[in-house]
C-alpha cells in the first residue's frame, strides 16, 4: 500500500502517488491555506476532487488506479502536515 507523508509550507503540488481503489487522506496542524486533493488518470490532466481549509480526514474510493496529489493553491501561514495512502 503506497503511503506518502510530509508537510506543506508554500503553494505548489506534492509528488503524485498512485493509489488503489480506496484511499485515506489526513491533513492536520492547519494554518491559513487552501489545499486541493487532485486526481489524474493520465498523469498530465489534473482535476480537483475536494478543497480543504482546515484539519480533515477523508476516506474515498476510486474505480481505477488513479494518481493523487495535494495542491496548495493559497498559503498564508503554518505548517500543514499530511498523510495519503491507499
PDB file of N, CA and C in Angstrom:
ATOM      1  N   UNK A   1       0.850  -1.171   0.000  1.00  0.00           N
ATOM      2  CA  UNK A   1       0.000   0.000   0.000  1.00  0.00           C
ATOM      3  C   UNK A   1       0.897   1.236   0.000  1.00  0.00           C
ATOM      4  N   UNK A   2       0.793   2.076  -1.005  1.00  0.00           N
ATOM      5  CA  UNK A   2       1.581   3.301  -1.047  1.00  0.00           C
ATOM      6  C   UNK A   2       1.181   4.263   0.078  1.00  0.00           C
ATOM      7  N   UNK A   3       2.174   4.880   0.680  1.00  0.00           N
ATOM      8  CA  UNK A   3       1.943   5.881   1.722  1.00  0.00           C
ATOM      9  C   UNK A   3       2.849   7.064   1.436  1.00  0.00           C
ATOM     10  N   UNK A   4       2.285   8.254   1.522  1.00  0.00           N
ATOM     11  CA  UNK A   4       3.085   9.469   1.364  1.00  0.00           C
ATOM     12  C   UNK A   4       2.767  10.391   2.535  1.00  0.00           C
ATOM     13  N   UNK A   5       3.810  10.878   3.193  1.00  0.00           N
ATOM     14  CA  UNK A   5       3.639  11.822   4.295  1.00  0.00           C
ATOM     15  C   UNK A   5       4.552  13.015   4.054  1.00  0.00           C
ATOM     16  N   UNK A   6       4.213  14.130   4.678  1.00  0.00           N
ATOM     17  CA  UNK A   6       5.057  15.304   4.550  1.00  0.00           C
ATOM     18  C   UNK A   6       4.398  16.521   5.149  1.00  0.00           C
ATOM     19  N   UNK A   7       4.986  17.675   4.849  1.00  0.00           N
ATOM     20  CA  UNK A   7       4.431  18.947   5.297  1.00  0.00           C
ATOM     21  C   UNK A   7       4.379  19.907   4.119  1.00  0.00           C
ATOM     22  N   UNK A   8       3.475  20.861   4.230  1.00  0.00           N
ATOM     23  CA  UNK A   8       3.292  21.881   3.199  1.00  0.00           C
ATOM     24  C   UNK A   8       3.497  23.241   3.854  1.00  0.00           C
ATOM     25  N   UNK A   9       4.384  24.053   3.271  1.00  0.00           N
ATOM     26  CA  UNK A   9       4.675  25.380   3.819  1.00  0.00           C
ATOM     27  C   UNK A   9       4.677  26.467   2.753  1.00  0.00           C
ATOM     28  N   UNK A  10       4.129  26.159   1.572  1.00  0.00           N
ATOM     29  CA  UNK A  10       4.078  27.133   0.474  1.00  0.00           C
ATOM     30  C   UNK A  10       3.112  26.611  -0.580  1.00  0.00           C
ATOM     31  N   UNK A  11       2.784  27.450  -1.553  1.00  0.00           N
ATOM     32  CA  UNK A  11       1.950  26.982  -2.652  1.00  0.00           C
ATOM     33  C   UNK A  11       2.732  25.992  -3.503  1.00  0.00           C
ATOM     34  N   UNK A  12       2.008  25.119  -4.202  1.00  0.00           N
ATOM     35  CA  UNK A  12       2.623  24.123  -5.063  1.00  0.00           C
ATOM     36  C   UNK A  12       2.039  22.753  -4.826  1.00  0.00           C
ATOM     37  N   UNK A  13       2.517  21.780  -5.597  1.00  0.00           N
ATOM     38  CA  UNK A  13       1.979  20.425  -5.555  1.00  0.00           C
ATOM     39  C   UNK A  13       2.946  19.448  -4.889  1.00  0.00           C
ATOM     40  N   UNK A  14       2.356  18.425  -4.268  1.00  0.00           N
ATOM     41  CA  UNK A  14       3.159  17.324  -3.760  1.00  0.00           C
ATOM     42  C   UNK A  14       3.445  16.369  -4.918  1.00  0.00           C
ATOM     43  N   UNK A  15       4.358  15.449  -4.707  1.00  0.00           N
ATOM     44  CA  UNK A  15       4.662  14.421  -5.696  1.00  0.00           C
ATOM     45  C   UNK A  15       3.446  13.513  -5.851  1.00  0.00           C
ATOM     46  N   UNK A  16       3.024  13.222  -7.079  1.00  0.00           N
ATOM     47  CA  UNK A  16       1.873  12.331  -7.263  1.00  0.00           C
ATOM     48  C   UNK A  16       2.157  10.931  -6.725  1.00  0.00           C
ATOM     49  N   UNK A  17       1.105  10.290  -6.233  1.00  0.00           N
ATOM     50  CA  UNK A  17       1.202   8.923  -5.744  1.00  0.00           C
ATOM     51  C   UNK A  17       0.065   8.124  -6.368  1.00  0.00           C
ATOM     52  N   UNK A  18       0.386   6.919  -6.869  1.00  0.00           N
ATOM     53  CA  UNK A  18      -0.631   6.052  -7.459  1.00  0.00           C
ATOM     54  C   UNK A  18      -1.247   5.211  -6.354  1.00  0.00           C
ATOM     55  N   UNK A  19      -2.563   5.312  -6.239  1.00  0.00           N
ATOM     56  CA  UNK A  19      -3.278   4.615  -5.177  1.00  0.00           C
ATOM     57  C   UNK A  19      -4.185   3.541  -5.761  1.00  0.00           C
ATOM     58  N   UNK A  20      -4.600   2.619  -4.917  1.00  0.00           N
ATOM     59  CA  UNK A  20      -5.510   1.564  -5.340  1.00  0.00           C
ATOM     60  C   UNK A  20      -6.937   2.074  -5.430  1.00  0.00           C
ATOM     61  N   UNK A  21      -7.885   1.202  -5.188  1.00  0.00           N
ATOM     62  CA  UNK A  21      -9.286   1.573  -5.346  1.00  0.00           C
ATOM     63  C   UNK A  21      -9.844   2.323  -4.143  1.00  0.00           C
ATOM     64  N   UNK A  22      -9.118   2.352  -3.042  1.00  0.00           N
ATOM     65  CA  UNK A  22      -9.534   3.122  -1.868  1.00  0.00           C
ATOM     66  C   UNK A  22      -8.362   3.969  -1.400  1.00  0.00           C
ATOM     67  N   UNK A  23      -8.680   5.123  -0.795  1.00  0.00           N
ATOM     68  CA  UNK A  23      -7.597   5.950  -0.276  1.00  0.00           C
ATOM     69  C   UNK A  23      -8.020   6.623   1.020  1.00  0.00           C
ATOM     70  N   UNK A  24      -7.021   7.017   1.791  1.00  0.00           N
ATOM     71  CA  UNK A  24      -7.212   7.753   3.041  1.00  0.00           C
ATOM     72  C   UNK A  24      -6.359   9.011   2.972  1.00  0.00           C
ATOM     73  N   UNK A  25      -6.927  10.120   3.421  1.00  0.00           N
ATOM     74  CA  UNK A  25      -6.200  11.383   3.467  1.00  0.00           C
ATOM     75  C   UNK A  25      -6.379  11.999   4.844  1.00  0.00           C
ATOM     76  N   UNK A  26      -5.278  12.416   5.447  1.00  0.00           N
ATOM     77  CA  UNK A  26      -5.304  13.150   6.716  1.00  0.00           C
ATOM     78  C   UNK A  26      -4.543  14.452   6.530  1.00  0.00           C
ATOM     79  N   UNK A  27      -5.139  15.552   6.965  1.00  0.00           N
ATOM     80  CA  UNK A  27      -4.496  16.870   6.998  1.00  0.00           C
ATOM     81  C   UNK A  27      -4.620  17.388   8.420  1.00  0.00           C
ATOM     82  N   UNK A  28      -3.513  17.856   9.013  1.00  0.00           N
ATOM     83  CA  UNK A  28      -3.587  18.375  10.372  1.00  0.00           C
ATOM     84  C   UNK A  28      -2.578  19.490  10.576  1.00  0.00           C
ATOM     85  N   UNK A  29      -2.680  20.157  11.712  1.00  0.00           N
ATOM     86  CA  UNK A  29      -1.856  21.329  12.052  1.00  0.00           C
ATOM     87  C   UNK A  29      -2.048  22.441  11.038  1.00  0.00           C
ATOM     88  N   UNK A  30      -3.299  22.609  10.609  1.00  0.00           N
ATOM     89  CA  UNK A  30      -3.601  23.583   9.559  1.00  0.00           C
ATOM     90  C   UNK A  30      -3.291  24.988  10.006  1.00  0.00           C
ATOM     91  N   UNK A  31      -2.688  25.761   9.115  1.00  0.00           N
ATOM     92  CA  UNK A  31      -2.502  27.188   9.281  1.00  0.00           C
ATOM     93  C   UNK A  31      -3.558  27.890   8.450  1.00  0.00           C
ATOM     94  N   UNK A  32      -3.157  28.905   7.722  1.00  0.00           N
ATOM     95  CA  UNK A  32      -4.060  29.605   6.810  1.00  0.00           C
ATOM     96  C   UNK A  32      -3.670  29.228   5.389  1.00  0.00           C
ATOM     97  N   UNK A  33      -4.418  28.302   4.807  1.00  0.00           N
ATOM     98  CA  UNK A  33      -4.095  27.806   3.469  1.00  0.00           C
ATOM     99  C   UNK A  33      -5.312  27.119   2.867  1.00  0.00           C
ATOM    100  N   UNK A  34      -5.232  26.893   1.567  1.00  0.00           N
ATOM    101  CA  UNK A  34      -6.225  26.081   0.863  1.00  0.00           C
ATOM    102  C   UNK A  34      -5.479  24.953   0.172  1.00  0.00           C
ATOM    103  N   UNK A  35      -5.867  23.715   0.495  1.00  0.00           N
ATOM    104  CA  UNK A  35      -5.233  22.527  -0.056  1.00  0.00           C
ATOM    105  C   UNK A  35      -6.268  21.771  -0.877  1.00  0.00           C
ATOM    106  N   UNK A  36      -5.983  21.540  -2.150  1.00  0.00           N
ATOM    107  CA  UNK A  36      -6.878  20.770  -3.010  1.00  0.00           C
ATOM    108  C   UNK A  36      -6.335  19.357  -3.185  1.00  0.00           C
ATOM    109  N   UNK A  37      -7.205  18.368  -3.019  1.00  0.00           N
ATOM    110  CA  UNK A  37      -6.888  16.993  -3.381  1.00  0.00           C
ATOM    111  C   UNK A  37      -7.200  16.867  -4.863  1.00  0.00           C
ATOM    112  N   UNK A  38      -6.203  16.473  -5.654  1.00  0.00           N
ATOM    113  CA  UNK A  38      -6.382  16.379  -7.100  1.00  0.00           C
ATOM    114  C   UNK A  38      -6.138  14.953  -7.578  1.00  0.00           C
ATOM    115  N   UNK A  39      -6.827  14.593  -8.684  1.00  0.00           N
ATOM    116  CA  UNK A  39      -6.725  13.235  -9.237  1.00  0.00           C
ATOM    117  C   UNK A  39      -6.438  13.322 -10.735  1.00  0.00           C
ATOM    118  N   UNK A  40      -5.633  12.361 -11.221  1.00  0.00           N
ATOM    119  CA  UNK A  40      -5.331  12.271 -12.646  1.00  0.00           C
ATOM    120  C   UNK A  40      -5.364  10.808 -13.064  1.00  0.00           C
ATOM    121  N   UNK A  41      -5.883  10.571 -14.255  1.00  0.00           N
ATOM    122  CA  UNK A  41      -5.881   9.218 -14.814  1.00  0.00           C
ATOM    123  C   UNK A  41      -4.762   9.025 -15.826  1.00  0.00           C
ATOM    124  N   UNK A  42      -4.137  10.137 -16.258  1.00  0.00           N
ATOM    125  CA  UNK A  42      -3.072  10.036 -17.252  1.00  0.00           C
ATOM    126  C   UNK A  42      -1.758  10.689 -16.805  1.00  0.00           C
ATOM    127  N   UNK A  43      -1.721  11.285 -15.612  1.00  0.00           N
ATOM    128  CA  UNK A  43      -0.517  11.934 -15.116  1.00  0.00           C
ATOM    129  C   UNK A  43      -0.274  13.320 -15.686  1.00  0.00           C
ATOM    130  N   UNK A  44      -1.151  13.767 -16.591  1.00  0.00           N
ATOM    131  CA  UNK A  44      -0.997  15.079 -17.209  1.00  0.00           C
ATOM    132  C   UNK A  44      -2.132  16.033 -16.866  1.00  0.00           C
ATOM    133  N   UNK A  45      -3.334  15.531 -16.879  1.00  0.00           N
ATOM    134  CA  UNK A  45      -4.521  16.347 -16.628  1.00  0.00           C
ATOM    135  C   UNK A  45      -5.030  16.082 -15.218  1.00  0.00           C
ATOM    136  N   UNK A  46      -5.095  17.144 -14.419  1.00  0.00           N
ATOM    137  CA  UNK A  46      -5.473  17.028 -13.008  1.00  0.00           C
ATOM    138  C   UNK A  46      -6.800  17.723 -12.764  1.00  0.00           C
ATOM    139  N   UNK A  47      -7.662  17.061 -11.999  1.00  0.00           N
ATOM    140  CA  UNK A  47      -8.942  17.639 -11.617  1.00  0.00           C
ATOM    141  C   UNK A  47      -9.052  17.675 -10.107  1.00  0.00           C
ATOM    142  N   UNK A  48      -9.671  18.712  -9.586  1.00  0.00           N
ATOM    143  CA  UNK A  48      -9.836  18.849  -8.141  1.00  0.00           C
ATOM    144  C   UNK A  48     -10.967  17.942  -7.656  1.00  0.00           C
ATOM    145  N   UNK A  49     -10.684  17.148  -6.631  1.00  0.00           N
ATOM    146  CA  UNK A  49     -11.678  16.278  -6.013  1.00  0.00           C
ATOM    147  C   UNK A  49     -12.384  17.026  -4.895  1.00  0.00           C
ATOM    148  N   UNK A  50     -11.597  17.719  -4.067  1.00  0.00           N
ATOM    149  CA  UNK A  50     -12.138  18.472  -2.934  1.00  0.00           C
ATOM    150  C   UNK A  50     -11.062  19.426  -2.420  1.00  0.00           C
ATOM    151  N   UNK A  51     -11.488  20.556  -1.862  1.00  0.00           N
ATOM    152  CA  UNK A  51     -10.554  21.530  -1.291  1.00  0.00           C
ATOM    153  C   UNK A  51     -10.772  21.614   0.216  1.00  0.00           C
ATOM    154  N   UNK A  52      -9.689  21.866   0.950  1.00  0.00           N
ATOM    155  CA  UNK A  52      -9.722  21.907   2.412  1.00  0.00           C
ATOM    156  C   UNK A  52      -9.078  23.192   2.915  1.00  0.00           C
ATOM    157  N   UNK A  53      -9.651  23.761   3.972  1.00  0.00           N
ATOM    158  CA  UNK A  53      -9.087  24.950   4.613  1.00  0.00           C
ATOM    159  C   UNK A  53      -8.909  24.746   6.117  1.00  0.00           C
ATOM    160  N   UNK A  54      -9.090  23.506   6.580  1.00  0.00           N
ATOM    161  CA  UNK A  54      -8.944  23.172   8.000  1.00  0.00           C
ATOM    162  C   UNK A  54      -8.578  21.691   8.108  1.00  0.00           C
ATOM    163  N   UNK A  55      -8.188  21.262   9.310  1.00  0.00           N
ATOM    164  CA  UNK A  55      -7.872  19.853   9.530  1.00  0.00           C
ATOM    165  C   UNK A  55      -8.962  18.981   8.942  1.00  0.00           C
ATOM    166  N   UNK A  56      -8.567  17.841   8.338  1.00  0.00           N
ATOM    167  CA  UNK A  56      -9.554  16.995   7.677  1.00  0.00           C
ATOM    168  C   UNK A  56      -9.119  15.539   7.670  1.00  0.00           C
ATOM    169  N   UNK A  57     -10.112  14.668   7.629  1.00  0.00           N
ATOM    170  CA  UNK A  57      -9.937  13.231   7.426  1.00  0.00           C
ATOM    171  C   UNK A  57     -10.880  12.848   6.297  1.00  0.00           C
ATOM    172  N   UNK A  58     -10.363  12.181   5.272  1.00  0.00           N
ATOM    173  CA  UNK A  58     -11.207  11.792   4.143  1.00  0.00           C
ATOM    174  C   UNK A  58     -10.872  10.363   3.750  1.00  0.00           C
ATOM    175  N   UNK A  59     -11.910   9.579   3.570  1.00  0.00           N
ATOM    176  CA  UNK A  59     -11.785   8.234   3.030  1.00  0.00           C
ATOM    177  C   UNK A  59     -12.535   8.243   1.712  1.00  0.00           C
ATOM    178  N   UNK A  60     -11.911   7.764   0.644  1.00  0.00           N
ATOM    179  CA  UNK A  60     -12.550   7.809  -0.656  1.00  0.00           C
ATOM    180  C   UNK A  60     -12.314   6.552  -1.453  1.00  0.00           C
ATOM    181  N   UNK A  61     -13.031   6.461  -2.555  1.00  0.00           N
ATOM    182  CA  UNK A  61     -12.904   5.336  -3.467  1.00  0.00           C
ATOM    183  C   UNK A  61     -12.629   5.845  -4.871  1.00  0.00           C
ATOM    184  N   UNK A  62     -11.820   5.110  -5.581  1.00  0.00           N
ATOM    185  CA  UNK A  62     -11.536   5.395  -6.983  1.00  0.00           C
ATOM    186  C   UNK A  62     -11.745   4.089  -7.729  1.00  0.00           C
ATOM    187  N   UNK A  63     -12.484   4.130  -8.803  1.00  0.00           N
ATOM    188  CA  UNK A  63     -12.803   2.903  -9.520  1.00  0.00           C
ATOM    189  C   UNK A  63     -11.700   2.477 -10.476  1.00  0.00           C
ATOM    190  N   UNK A  64     -10.645   3.268 -10.548  1.00  0.00           N
ATOM    191  CA  UNK A  64      -9.466   2.928 -11.334  1.00  0.00           C
ATOM    192  C   UNK A  64      -8.240   3.263 -10.502  1.00  0.00           C
ATOM    193  N   UNK A  65      -7.109   2.707 -10.882  1.00  0.00           N
ATOM    194  CA  UNK A  65      -5.863   3.081 -10.224  1.00  0.00           C
ATOM    195  C   UNK A  65      -5.480   4.468 -10.716  1.00  0.00           C
ATOM    196  N   UNK A  66      -5.768   5.460  -9.912  1.00  0.00           N
ATOM    197  CA  UNK A  66      -5.523   6.847 -10.291  1.00  0.00           C
ATOM    198  C   UNK A  66      -4.346   7.404  -9.504  1.00  0.00           C
ATOM    199  N   UNK A  67      -3.787   8.489 -10.013  1.00  0.00           N
ATOM    200  CA  UNK A  67      -2.758   9.225  -9.292  1.00  0.00           C
ATOM    201  C   UNK A  67      -3.431  10.351  -8.523  1.00  0.00           C
ATOM    202  N   UNK A  68      -2.930  10.596  -7.325  1.00  0.00           N
ATOM    203  CA  UNK A  68      -3.435  11.677  -6.492  1.00  0.00           C
ATOM    204  C   UNK A  68      -2.270  12.555  -6.066  1.00  0.00           C
ATOM    205  N   UNK A  69      -2.564  13.823  -5.839  1.00  0.00           N
ATOM    206  CA  UNK A  69      -1.576  14.749  -5.279  1.00  0.00           C
ATOM    207  C   UNK A  69      -2.345  15.813  -4.509  1.00  0.00           C
ATOM    208  N   UNK A  70      -1.614  16.537  -3.672  1.00  0.00           N
ATOM    209  CA  UNK A  70      -2.171  17.694  -2.990  1.00  0.00           C
ATOM    210  C   UNK A  70      -1.612  18.932  -3.657  1.00  0.00           C
ATOM    211  N   UNK A  71      -2.461  19.932  -3.826  1.00  0.00           N
ATOM    212  CA  UNK A  71      -2.043  21.177  -4.453  1.00  0.00           C
ATOM    213  C   UNK A  71      -2.411  22.315  -3.513  1.00  0.00           C
ATOM    214  N   UNK A  72      -1.400  22.970  -2.957  1.00  0.00           N
ATOM    215  CA  UNK A  72      -1.639  24.130  -2.096  1.00  0.00           C
ATOM    216  C   UNK A  72      -1.834  25.329  -3.026  1.00  0.00           C
ATOM    217  N   UNK A  73      -3.083  25.764  -3.150  1.00  0.00           N
ATOM    218  CA  UNK A  73      -3.413  26.830  -4.089  1.00  0.00           C
ATOM    219  C   UNK A  73      -3.364  28.214  -3.455  1.00  0.00           C
ATOM    220  N   UNK A  74      -3.409  28.288  -2.127  1.00  0.00           N
ATOM    221  CA  UNK A  74      -3.295  29.566  -1.402  1.00  0.00           C
ATOM    222  C   UNK A  74      -2.620  29.281  -0.080  1.00  0.00           C
ATOM    223  N   UNK A  75      -1.635  30.100   0.279  1.00  0.00           N
ATOM    224  CA  UNK A  75      -0.886  29.879   1.515  1.00  0.00           C
ATOM    225  C   UNK A  75      -0.591  31.219   2.179  1.00  0.00           C
ATOM    226  N   UNK A  76      -0.888  31.290   3.480  1.00  0.00           N
ATOM    227  CA  UNK A  76      -0.551  32.467   4.269  1.00  0.00           C
ATOM    228  C   UNK A  76       0.394  32.122   5.408  1.00  0.00           C
ATOM    229  N   UNK A  77       0.085  31.035   6.155  1.00  0.00           N
ATOM    230  CA  UNK A  77       0.934  30.711   7.308  1.00  0.00           C
ATOM    231  C   UNK A  77       0.705  29.256   7.737  1.00  0.00           C
ATOM    232  N   UNK A  78       1.644  28.774   8.572  1.00  0.00           N
ATOM    233  CA  UNK A  78       1.523  27.460   9.185  1.00  0.00           C
ATOM    234  C   UNK A  78       2.311  26.397   8.462  1.00  0.00           C
ATOM    235  N   UNK A  79       2.370  25.236   9.085  1.00  0.00           N
ATOM    236  CA  UNK A  79       2.979  24.042   8.509  1.00  0.00           C
ATOM    237  C   UNK A  79       1.927  22.960   8.507  1.00  0.00           C
ATOM    238  N   UNK A  80       1.369  22.681   7.351  1.00  0.00           N
ATOM    239  CA  UNK A  80       0.290  21.709   7.245  1.00  0.00           C
ATOM    240  C   UNK A  80       0.892  20.326   7.034  1.00  0.00           C
ATOM    241  N   UNK A  81       0.585  19.398   7.919  1.00  0.00           N
ATOM    242  CA  UNK A  81       1.072  18.028   7.806  1.00  0.00           C
ATOM    243  C   UNK A  81       0.039  17.195   7.056  1.00  0.00           C
ATOM    244  N   UNK A  82       0.521  16.217   6.275  1.00  0.00           N
ATOM    245  CA  UNK A  82      -0.400  15.365   5.535  1.00  0.00           C
ATOM    246  C   UNK A  82       0.081  13.920   5.487  1.00  0.00           C
ATOM    247  N   UNK A  83      -0.891  13.033   5.274  1.00  0.00           N
ATOM    248  CA  UNK A  83      -0.640  11.608   5.024  1.00  0.00           C
ATOM    249  C   UNK A  83      -1.701  11.153   4.038  1.00  0.00           C
ATOM    250  N   UNK A  84      -1.268  10.555   2.943  1.00  0.00           N
ATOM    251  CA  UNK A  84      -2.196   9.988   1.969  1.00  0.00           C
ATOM    252  C   UNK A  84      -1.749   8.568   1.683  1.00  0.00           C
ATOM    253  N   UNK A  85      -2.696   7.652   1.683  1.00  0.00           N
ATOM    254  CA  UNK A  85      -2.372   6.245   1.469  1.00  0.00           C
ATOM    255  C   UNK A  85      -3.524   5.555   0.763  1.00  0.00           C
ATOM    256  N   UNK A  86      -3.234   4.413   0.201  1.00  0.00           N
ATOM    257  CA  UNK A  86      -4.296   3.663  -0.465  1.00  0.00           C
ATOM    258  C   UNK A  86      -3.788   2.396  -1.079  1.00  0.00           C
TER     259      UNK A  86
END
